Amino acid sequence: MTHDLGQRLLQHRSGLGSTFTARYMLKYLLYYEEYYNIRDAIVREKQLKNWHREWKINLIRSINPDLKDLSEEVIIPW
Protein backbone atom coordinates (compact mmCIF):
# COMPACT_ATOMS: atom_id res chain seq x y z
CA MET A 1 0.00 0.00 0.00
CA THR A 2 1.25 3.47 -0.83
CA HIS A 3 -0.08 6.99 -1.14
CA ASP A 4 2.24 7.66 -4.13
CA LEU A 5 2.34 4.80 -6.63
CA GLY A 6 4.76 6.57 -8.96
CA GLN A 7 7.28 7.04 -6.16
CA ARG A 8 6.84 3.42 -5.06
CA LEU A 9 7.55 2.24 -8.61
CA LEU A 10 10.80 4.20 -8.62
CA GLN A 11 11.78 2.66 -5.30
CA HIS A 12 11.08 -0.85 -6.53
CA ARG A 13 13.00 -0.33 -9.75
CA SER A 14 16.02 0.84 -7.80
CA GLY A 15 15.85 -2.18 -5.47
CA LEU A 16 14.39 -0.29 -2.53
CA GLY A 17 10.96 -0.36 -0.95
CA SER A 18 10.49 -3.91 0.27
CA THR A 19 12.61 -6.98 0.92
CA PHE A 20 10.32 -9.14 -1.21
CA THR A 21 10.58 -6.81 -4.22
CA ALA A 22 14.35 -6.48 -3.92
CA ARG A 23 14.88 -10.22 -3.45
CA TYR A 24 12.90 -11.16 -6.56
CA MET A 25 13.90 -8.06 -8.57
CA LEU A 26 10.30 -7.20 -9.39
CA LYS A 27 10.19 -4.29 -11.84
CA TYR A 28 6.79 -4.36 -13.55
CA LEU A 29 3.39 -3.16 -12.42
CA LEU A 30 0.80 -5.71 -13.51
CA TYR A 31 -2.08 -4.77 -11.24
CA TYR A 32 -3.15 -2.06 -8.84
CA GLU A 33 -6.26 -0.81 -7.11
CA GLU A 34 -7.06 2.74 -6.02
CA TYR A 35 -8.79 3.57 -2.76
CA TYR A 36 -9.65 6.99 -1.36
CA ASN A 37 -10.13 5.71 2.17
CA ILE A 38 -6.96 4.34 3.79
CA ARG A 39 -8.96 1.92 5.93
CA ASP A 40 -10.47 0.34 2.83
CA ALA A 41 -7.01 0.02 1.28
CA ILE A 42 -5.62 -1.67 4.39
CA VAL A 43 -8.54 -4.12 4.54
CA ARG A 44 -8.08 -5.00 0.88
CA GLU A 45 -4.31 -5.44 1.21
CA LYS A 46 -4.76 -7.81 4.15
CA GLN A 47 -7.40 -9.73 2.20
CA LEU A 48 -5.11 -10.17 -0.83
CA LYS A 49 -2.17 -11.23 1.33
CA ASN A 50 -4.27 -14.15 2.56
CA TRP A 51 -5.18 -15.30 -0.95
CA HIS A 52 -3.58 -18.28 -2.65
CA ARG A 53 -1.13 -17.48 -5.46
CA GLU A 54 -3.49 -18.89 -8.09
CA TRP A 55 -6.30 -16.58 -6.94
CA LYS A 56 -3.98 -13.58 -7.24
CA ILE A 57 -2.86 -14.61 -10.72
CA ASN A 58 -6.49 -15.02 -11.79
CA LEU A 59 -7.32 -11.56 -10.42
CA ILE A 60 -4.40 -9.99 -12.30
CA ARG A 61 -5.31 -11.77 -15.54
CA SER A 62 -8.96 -10.70 -15.22
CA ILE A 63 -7.84 -7.06 -15.40
CA ASN A 64 -4.64 -7.41 -17.43
CA PRO A 65 -4.86 -10.58 -19.57
CA ASP A 66 -1.72 -9.76 -21.56
CA LEU A 67 0.30 -9.04 -18.40
CA LYS A 68 1.26 -5.67 -19.82
CA ASP A 69 3.34 -3.31 -17.67
CA LEU A 70 0.85 -0.76 -16.35
CA SER A 71 3.44 1.67 -15.01
CA GLU A 72 2.88 4.01 -17.97
CA GLU A 73 -0.63 4.62 -16.63
CA VAL A 74 0.84 5.95 -13.39
CA ILE A 75 2.43 9.38 -13.12
CA ILE A 76 6.07 8.76 -12.26
CA PRO A 77 8.02 11.72 -10.82
CA TRP A 78 11.13 11.83 -13.01
PDB file of N, CA and C in Angstrom:
ATOM      1  N   MET A   1       0.846  -1.164   0.000  1.00  0.00           N
ATOM      2  CA  MET A   1       0.000   0.000   0.000  1.00  0.00           C
ATOM      3  C   MET A   1       0.895   1.232   0.000  1.00  0.00           C
ATOM      4  N   THR A   2       0.494   2.234  -0.756  1.00  0.00           N
ATOM      5  CA  THR A   2       1.247   3.473  -0.826  1.00  0.00           C
ATOM      6  C   THR A   2       0.313   4.627  -1.130  1.00  0.00           C
ATOM      7  N   HIS A   3       0.705   5.807  -0.771  1.00  0.00           N
ATOM      8  CA  HIS A   3      -0.075   6.993  -1.139  1.00  0.00           C
ATOM      9  C   HIS A   3       0.472   7.613  -2.419  1.00  0.00           C
ATOM     10  N   ASP A   4       1.628   7.130  -2.918  1.00  0.00           N
ATOM     11  CA  ASP A   4       2.242   7.661  -4.132  1.00  0.00           C
ATOM     12  C   ASP A   4       2.790   6.504  -4.959  1.00  0.00           C
ATOM     13  N   LEU A   5       1.974   5.984  -5.852  1.00  0.00           N
ATOM     14  CA  LEU A   5       2.342   4.801  -6.627  1.00  0.00           C
ATOM     15  C   LEU A   5       3.544   5.062  -7.529  1.00  0.00           C
ATOM     16  N   GLY A   6       3.611   6.243  -8.114  1.00  0.00           N
ATOM     17  CA  GLY A   6       4.756   6.575  -8.960  1.00  0.00           C
ATOM     18  C   GLY A   6       6.066   6.504  -8.189  1.00  0.00           C
ATOM     19  N   GLN A   7       6.077   7.074  -7.005  1.00  0.00           N
ATOM     20  CA  GLN A   7       7.280   7.041  -6.160  1.00  0.00           C
ATOM     21  C   GLN A   7       7.611   5.605  -5.765  1.00  0.00           C
ATOM     22  N   ARG A   8       6.598   4.821  -5.435  1.00  0.00           N
ATOM     23  CA  ARG A   8       6.838   3.423  -5.058  1.00  0.00           C
ATOM     24  C   ARG A   8       7.425   2.642  -6.231  1.00  0.00           C
ATOM     25  N   LEU A   9       6.973   2.914  -7.446  1.00  0.00           N
ATOM     26  CA  LEU A   9       7.547   2.242  -8.614  1.00  0.00           C
ATOM     27  C   LEU A   9       9.027   2.567  -8.755  1.00  0.00           C
ATOM     28  N   LEU A  10       9.379   3.815  -8.554  1.00  0.00           N
ATOM     29  CA  LEU A  10      10.797   4.200  -8.619  1.00  0.00           C
ATOM     30  C   LEU A  10      11.615   3.479  -7.556  1.00  0.00           C
ATOM     31  N   GLN A  11      11.072   3.375  -6.364  1.00  0.00           N
ATOM     32  CA  GLN A  11      11.776   2.659  -5.299  1.00  0.00           C
ATOM     33  C   GLN A  11      11.997   1.203  -5.681  1.00  0.00           C
ATOM     34  N   HIS A  12      10.975   0.556  -6.174  1.00  0.00           N
ATOM     35  CA  HIS A  12      11.083  -0.854  -6.531  1.00  0.00           C
ATOM     36  C   HIS A  12      12.081  -1.062  -7.658  1.00  0.00           C
ATOM     37  N   ARG A  13      12.080  -0.190  -8.627  1.00  0.00           N
ATOM     38  CA  ARG A  13      13.003  -0.332  -9.755  1.00  0.00           C
ATOM     39  C   ARG A  13      14.451  -0.095  -9.361  1.00  0.00           C
ATOM     40  N   SER A  14      14.650   0.614  -8.276  1.00  0.00           N
ATOM     41  CA  SER A  14      16.019   0.841  -7.804  1.00  0.00           C
ATOM     42  C   SER A  14      16.408  -0.164  -6.719  1.00  0.00           C
ATOM     43  N   GLY A  15      15.549  -1.146  -6.452  1.00  0.00           N
ATOM     44  CA  GLY A  15      15.848  -2.182  -5.472  1.00  0.00           C
ATOM     45  C   GLY A  15      15.507  -1.819  -4.047  1.00  0.00           C
ATOM     46  N   LEU A  16      14.790  -0.721  -3.871  1.00  0.00           N
ATOM     47  CA  LEU A  16      14.392  -0.290  -2.534  1.00  0.00           C
ATOM     48  C   LEU A  16      12.909  -0.580  -2.331  1.00  0.00           C
ATOM     49  N   GLY A  17      12.404  -0.267  -1.176  1.00  0.00           N
ATOM     50  CA  GLY A  17      10.963  -0.362  -0.953  1.00  0.00           C
ATOM     51  C   GLY A  17      10.550  -1.527  -0.100  1.00  0.00           C
ATOM     52  N   SER A  18      10.853  -2.743  -0.535  1.00  0.00           N
ATOM     53  CA  SER A  18      10.486  -3.908   0.266  1.00  0.00           C
ATOM     54  C   SER A  18      11.489  -5.026   0.021  1.00  0.00           C
ATOM     55  N   THR A  19      11.676  -5.849   1.025  1.00  0.00           N
ATOM     56  CA  THR A  19      12.606  -6.975   0.916  1.00  0.00           C
ATOM     57  C   THR A  19      12.146  -7.942  -0.168  1.00  0.00           C
ATOM     58  N   PHE A  20      10.858  -8.207  -0.222  1.00  0.00           N
ATOM     59  CA  PHE A  20      10.317  -9.141  -1.214  1.00  0.00           C
ATOM     60  C   PHE A  20      10.618  -8.649  -2.627  1.00  0.00           C
ATOM     61  N   THR A  21      10.360  -7.380  -2.891  1.00  0.00           N
ATOM     62  CA  THR A  21      10.578  -6.808  -4.220  1.00  0.00           C
ATOM     63  C   THR A  21      12.052  -6.830  -4.588  1.00  0.00           C
ATOM     64  N   ALA A  22      12.908  -6.478  -3.652  1.00  0.00           N
ATOM     65  CA  ALA A  22      14.349  -6.477  -3.915  1.00  0.00           C
ATOM     66  C   ALA A  22      14.865  -7.899  -4.144  1.00  0.00           C
ATOM     67  N   ARG A  23      14.405  -8.840  -3.346  1.00  0.00           N
ATOM     68  CA  ARG A  23      14.876 -10.224  -3.452  1.00  0.00           C
ATOM     69  C   ARG A  23      14.539 -10.825  -4.814  1.00  0.00           C
ATOM     70  N   TYR A  24      13.330 -10.565  -5.303  1.00  0.00           N
ATOM     71  CA  TYR A  24      12.896 -11.165  -6.559  1.00  0.00           C
ATOM     72  C   TYR A  24      13.033 -10.218  -7.754  1.00  0.00           C
ATOM     73  N   MET A  25      13.638  -9.057  -7.522  1.00  0.00           N
ATOM     74  CA  MET A  25      13.902  -8.064  -8.569  1.00  0.00           C
ATOM     75  C   MET A  25      12.653  -7.769  -9.406  1.00  0.00           C
ATOM     76  N   LEU A  26      11.557  -7.492  -8.720  1.00  0.00           N
ATOM     77  CA  LEU A  26      10.301  -7.197  -9.394  1.00  0.00           C
ATOM     78  C   LEU A  26      10.340  -5.773  -9.931  1.00  0.00           C
ATOM     79  N   LYS A  27      10.052  -5.601 -11.203  1.00  0.00           N
ATOM     80  CA  LYS A  27      10.191  -4.294 -11.842  1.00  0.00           C
ATOM     81  C   LYS A  27       8.923  -3.819 -12.555  1.00  0.00           C
ATOM     82  N   TYR A  28       7.957  -4.690 -12.739  1.00  0.00           N
ATOM     83  CA  TYR A  28       6.790  -4.361 -13.547  1.00  0.00           C
ATOM     84  C   TYR A  28       5.528  -4.263 -12.703  1.00  0.00           C
ATOM     85  N   LEU A  29       4.682  -3.329 -13.078  1.00  0.00           N
ATOM     86  CA  LEU A  29       3.393  -3.156 -12.419  1.00  0.00           C
ATOM     87  C   LEU A  29       2.340  -3.858 -13.285  1.00  0.00           C
ATOM     88  N   LEU A  30       1.787  -4.934 -12.761  1.00  0.00           N
ATOM     89  CA  LEU A  30       0.802  -5.707 -13.515  1.00  0.00           C
ATOM     90  C   LEU A  30      -0.618  -5.469 -13.028  1.00  0.00           C
ATOM     91  N   TYR A  31      -0.754  -4.931 -11.825  1.00  0.00           N
ATOM     92  CA  TYR A  31      -2.083  -4.774 -11.235  1.00  0.00           C
ATOM     93  C   TYR A  31      -2.004  -3.750 -10.113  1.00  0.00           C
ATOM     94  N   TYR A  32      -3.031  -2.951  -9.989  1.00  0.00           N
ATOM     95  CA  TYR A  32      -3.147  -2.060  -8.835  1.00  0.00           C
ATOM     96  C   TYR A  32      -4.604  -1.685  -8.648  1.00  0.00           C
ATOM     97  N   GLU A  33      -4.929  -1.285  -7.448  1.00  0.00           N
ATOM     98  CA  GLU A  33      -6.264  -0.808  -7.114  1.00  0.00           C
ATOM     99  C   GLU A  33      -6.115   0.542  -6.441  1.00  0.00           C
ATOM    100  N   GLU A  34      -7.073   1.426  -6.655  1.00  0.00           N
ATOM    101  CA  GLU A  34      -7.061   2.738  -6.021  1.00  0.00           C
ATOM    102  C   GLU A  34      -8.179   2.819  -4.984  1.00  0.00           C
ATOM    103  N   TYR A  35      -7.834   3.350  -3.831  1.00  0.00           N
ATOM    104  CA  TYR A  35      -8.795   3.569  -2.760  1.00  0.00           C
ATOM    105  C   TYR A  35      -8.618   4.987  -2.239  1.00  0.00           C
ATOM    106  N   TYR A  36      -9.702   5.630  -1.902  1.00  0.00           N
ATOM    107  CA  TYR A  36      -9.650   6.987  -1.358  1.00  0.00           C
ATOM    108  C   TYR A  36      -9.689   6.987   0.164  1.00  0.00           C
ATOM    109  N   ASN A  37     -10.074   5.859   0.725  1.00  0.00           N
ATOM    110  CA  ASN A  37     -10.127   5.710   2.168  1.00  0.00           C
ATOM    111  C   ASN A  37      -9.026   4.736   2.576  1.00  0.00           C
ATOM    112  N   ILE A  38      -8.103   5.174   3.410  1.00  0.00           N
ATOM    113  CA  ILE A  38      -6.962   4.338   3.794  1.00  0.00           C
ATOM    114  C   ILE A  38      -7.397   3.058   4.494  1.00  0.00           C
ATOM    115  N   ARG A  39      -8.468   3.130   5.249  1.00  0.00           N
ATOM    116  CA  ARG A  39      -8.957   1.920   5.933  1.00  0.00           C
ATOM    117  C   ARG A  39      -9.393   0.857   4.926  1.00  0.00           C
ATOM    118  N   ASP A  40     -10.068   1.284   3.873  1.00  0.00           N
ATOM    119  CA  ASP A  40     -10.475   0.338   2.827  1.00  0.00           C
ATOM    120  C   ASP A  40      -9.256  -0.292   2.153  1.00  0.00           C
ATOM    121  N   ALA A  41      -8.234   0.518   1.922  1.00  0.00           N
ATOM    122  CA  ALA A  41      -7.010   0.016   1.282  1.00  0.00           C
ATOM    123  C   ALA A  41      -6.314  -1.014   2.173  1.00  0.00           C
ATOM    124  N   ILE A  42      -6.265  -0.748   3.458  1.00  0.00           N
ATOM    125  CA  ILE A  42      -5.625  -1.673   4.391  1.00  0.00           C
ATOM    126  C   ILE A  42      -6.389  -2.993   4.458  1.00  0.00           C
ATOM    127  N   VAL A  43      -7.713  -2.908   4.516  1.00  0.00           N
ATOM    128  CA  VAL A  43      -8.541  -4.121   4.544  1.00  0.00           C
ATOM    129  C   VAL A  43      -8.305  -4.949   3.284  1.00  0.00           C
ATOM    130  N   ARG A  44      -8.273  -4.285   2.137  1.00  0.00           N
ATOM    131  CA  ARG A  44      -8.078  -5.003   0.876  1.00  0.00           C
ATOM    132  C   ARG A  44      -6.679  -5.623   0.805  1.00  0.00           C
ATOM    133  N   GLU A  45      -5.664  -4.895   1.240  1.00  0.00           N
ATOM    134  CA  GLU A  45      -4.307  -5.436   1.215  1.00  0.00           C
ATOM    135  C   GLU A  45      -4.202  -6.691   2.089  1.00  0.00           C
ATOM    136  N   LYS A  46      -4.780  -6.642   3.266  1.00  0.00           N
ATOM    137  CA  LYS A  46      -4.765  -7.810   4.148  1.00  0.00           C
ATOM    138  C   LYS A  46      -5.512  -8.978   3.521  1.00  0.00           C
ATOM    139  N   GLN A  47      -6.626  -8.678   2.867  1.00  0.00           N
ATOM    140  CA  GLN A  47      -7.396  -9.726   2.203  1.00  0.00           C
ATOM    141  C   GLN A  47      -6.553 -10.403   1.123  1.00  0.00           C
ATOM    142  N   LEU A  48      -5.909  -9.609   0.272  1.00  0.00           N
ATOM    143  CA  LEU A  48      -5.109 -10.173  -0.825  1.00  0.00           C
ATOM    144  C   LEU A  48      -3.902 -10.951  -0.320  1.00  0.00           C
ATOM    145  N   LYS A  49      -3.323 -10.520   0.773  1.00  0.00           N
ATOM    146  CA  LYS A  49      -2.171 -11.234   1.328  1.00  0.00           C
ATOM    147  C   LYS A  49      -2.549 -12.630   1.809  1.00  0.00           C
ATOM    148  N   ASN A  50      -3.817 -12.840   2.114  1.00  0.00           N
ATOM    149  CA  ASN A  50      -4.273 -14.155   2.555  1.00  0.00           C
ATOM    150  C   ASN A  50      -4.725 -15.054   1.404  1.00  0.00           C
ATOM    151  N   TRP A  51      -4.763 -14.524   0.214  1.00  0.00           N
ATOM    152  CA  TRP A  51      -5.184 -15.302  -0.949  1.00  0.00           C
ATOM    153  C   TRP A  51      -4.091 -16.272  -1.382  1.00  0.00           C
ATOM    154  N   HIS A  52      -4.512 -17.348  -2.018  1.00  0.00           N
ATOM    155  CA  HIS A  52      -3.584 -18.277  -2.652  1.00  0.00           C
ATOM    156  C   HIS A  52      -2.990 -17.616  -3.895  1.00  0.00           C
ATOM    157  N   ARG A  53      -1.805 -18.050  -4.291  1.00  0.00           N
ATOM    158  CA  ARG A  53      -1.133 -17.478  -5.457  1.00  0.00           C
ATOM    159  C   ARG A  53      -2.008 -17.567  -6.705  1.00  0.00           C
ATOM    160  N   GLU A  54      -2.644 -18.697  -6.912  1.00  0.00           N
ATOM    161  CA  GLU A  54      -3.492 -18.890  -8.089  1.00  0.00           C
ATOM    162  C   GLU A  54      -4.629 -17.865  -8.136  1.00  0.00           C
ATOM    163  N   TRP A  55      -5.226 -17.581  -6.995  1.00  0.00           N
ATOM    164  CA  TRP A  55      -6.304 -16.584  -6.944  1.00  0.00           C
ATOM    165  C   TRP A  55      -5.773 -15.213  -7.363  1.00  0.00           C
ATOM    166  N   LYS A  56      -4.577 -14.872  -6.890  1.00  0.00           N
ATOM    167  CA  LYS A  56      -3.979 -13.578  -7.236  1.00  0.00           C
ATOM    168  C   LYS A  56      -3.686 -13.499  -8.737  1.00  0.00           C
ATOM    169  N   ILE A  57      -3.154 -14.578  -9.282  1.00  0.00           N
ATOM    170  CA  ILE A  57      -2.861 -14.605 -10.720  1.00  0.00           C
ATOM    171  C   ILE A  57      -4.152 -14.452 -11.515  1.00  0.00           C
ATOM    172  N   ASN A  58      -5.203 -15.135 -11.105  1.00  0.00           N
ATOM    173  CA  ASN A  58      -6.492 -15.019 -11.792  1.00  0.00           C
ATOM    174  C   ASN A  58      -7.041 -13.590 -11.709  1.00  0.00           C
ATOM    175  N   LEU A  59      -6.882 -12.938 -10.578  1.00  0.00           N
ATOM    176  CA  LEU A  59      -7.318 -11.555 -10.419  1.00  0.00           C
ATOM    177  C   LEU A  59      -6.542 -10.652 -11.372  1.00  0.00           C
ATOM    178  N   ILE A  60      -5.232 -10.798 -11.404  1.00  0.00           N
ATOM    179  CA  ILE A  60      -4.397  -9.991 -12.302  1.00  0.00           C
ATOM    180  C   ILE A  60      -4.807 -10.208 -13.747  1.00  0.00           C
ATOM    181  N   ARG A  61      -4.952 -11.465 -14.140  1.00  0.00           N
ATOM    182  CA  ARG A  61      -5.312 -11.768 -15.538  1.00  0.00           C
ATOM    183  C   ARG A  61      -6.726 -11.304 -15.898  1.00  0.00           C
ATOM    184  N   SER A  62      -7.602 -11.183 -14.916  1.00  0.00           N
ATOM    185  CA  SER A  62      -8.957 -10.701 -15.215  1.00  0.00           C
ATOM    186  C   SER A  62      -8.939  -9.223 -15.611  1.00  0.00           C
ATOM    187  N   ILE A  63      -7.975  -8.478 -15.102  1.00  0.00           N
ATOM    188  CA  ILE A  63      -7.839  -7.057 -15.402  1.00  0.00           C
ATOM    189  C   ILE A  63      -6.820  -6.812 -16.505  1.00  0.00           C
ATOM    190  N   ASN A  64      -5.770  -7.618 -16.532  1.00  0.00           N
ATOM    191  CA  ASN A  64      -4.641  -7.413 -17.434  1.00  0.00           C
ATOM    192  C   ASN A  64      -4.259  -8.753 -18.080  1.00  0.00           C
ATOM    193  N   PRO A  65      -5.079  -9.246 -19.015  1.00  0.00           N
ATOM    194  CA  PRO A  65      -4.861 -10.583 -19.569  1.00  0.00           C
ATOM    195  C   PRO A  65      -3.528 -10.748 -20.307  1.00  0.00           C
ATOM    196  N   ASP A  66      -2.990  -9.679 -20.838  1.00  0.00           N
ATOM    197  CA  ASP A  66      -1.716  -9.759 -21.565  1.00  0.00           C
ATOM    198  C   ASP A  66      -0.510  -9.525 -20.662  1.00  0.00           C
ATOM    199  N   LEU A  67      -0.752  -9.318 -19.380  1.00  0.00           N
ATOM    200  CA  LEU A  67       0.297  -9.042 -18.398  1.00  0.00           C
ATOM    201  C   LEU A  67       1.202  -7.898 -18.847  1.00  0.00           C
ATOM    202  N   LYS A  68       0.571  -6.869 -19.366  1.00  0.00           N
ATOM    203  CA  LYS A  68       1.258  -5.669 -19.819  1.00  0.00           C
ATOM    204  C   LYS A  68       1.702  -4.836 -18.617  1.00  0.00           C
ATOM    205  N   ASP A  69       2.863  -4.189 -18.729  1.00  0.00           N
ATOM    206  CA  ASP A  69       3.344  -3.312 -17.669  1.00  0.00           C
ATOM    207  C   ASP A  69       2.449  -2.074 -17.619  1.00  0.00           C
ATOM    208  N   LEU A  70       1.798  -1.854 -16.497  1.00  0.00           N
ATOM    209  CA  LEU A  70       0.845  -0.760 -16.350  1.00  0.00           C
ATOM    210  C   LEU A  70       1.485   0.515 -15.804  1.00  0.00           C
ATOM    211  N   SER A  71       2.790   0.508 -15.629  1.00  0.00           N
ATOM    212  CA  SER A  71       3.439   1.666 -15.006  1.00  0.00           C
ATOM    213  C   SER A  71       3.302   2.938 -15.834  1.00  0.00           C
ATOM    214  N   GLU A  72       3.077   2.820 -17.136  1.00  0.00           N
ATOM    215  CA  GLU A  72       2.885   4.006 -17.965  1.00  0.00           C
ATOM    216  C   GLU A  72       1.574   4.713 -17.639  1.00  0.00           C
ATOM    217  N   GLU A  73       0.644   4.021 -17.025  1.00  0.00           N
ATOM    218  CA  GLU A  73      -0.628   4.620 -16.627  1.00  0.00           C
ATOM    219  C   GLU A  73      -0.483   5.482 -15.376  1.00  0.00           C
ATOM    220  N   VAL A  74       0.612   5.273 -14.655  1.00  0.00           N
ATOM    221  CA  VAL A  74       0.844   5.949 -13.389  1.00  0.00           C
ATOM    222  C   VAL A  74       1.809   7.099 -13.619  1.00  0.00           C
ATOM    223  N   ILE A  75       1.536   8.232 -12.993  1.00  0.00           N
ATOM    224  CA  ILE A  75       2.430   9.377 -13.120  1.00  0.00           C
ATOM    225  C   ILE A  75       3.666   9.113 -12.276  1.00  0.00           C
ATOM    226  N   ILE A  76       4.815   9.028 -12.945  1.00  0.00           N
ATOM    227  CA  ILE A  76       6.073   8.756 -12.263  1.00  0.00           C
ATOM    228  C   ILE A  76       6.855  10.066 -12.175  1.00  0.00           C
ATOM    229  N   PRO A  77       7.268  10.456 -10.988  1.00  0.00           N
ATOM    230  CA  PRO A  77       8.019  11.717 -10.822  1.00  0.00           C
ATOM    231  C   PRO A  77       9.467  11.558 -11.292  1.00  0.00           C
ATOM    232  N   TRP A  78       9.756  11.932 -12.501  1.00  0.00           N
ATOM    233  CA  TRP A  78      11.132  11.832 -13.015  1.00  0.00           C
ATOM    234  C   TRP A  78      11.828  13.048 -12.610  1.00  0.00           C
TER     235      TRP A  78
END
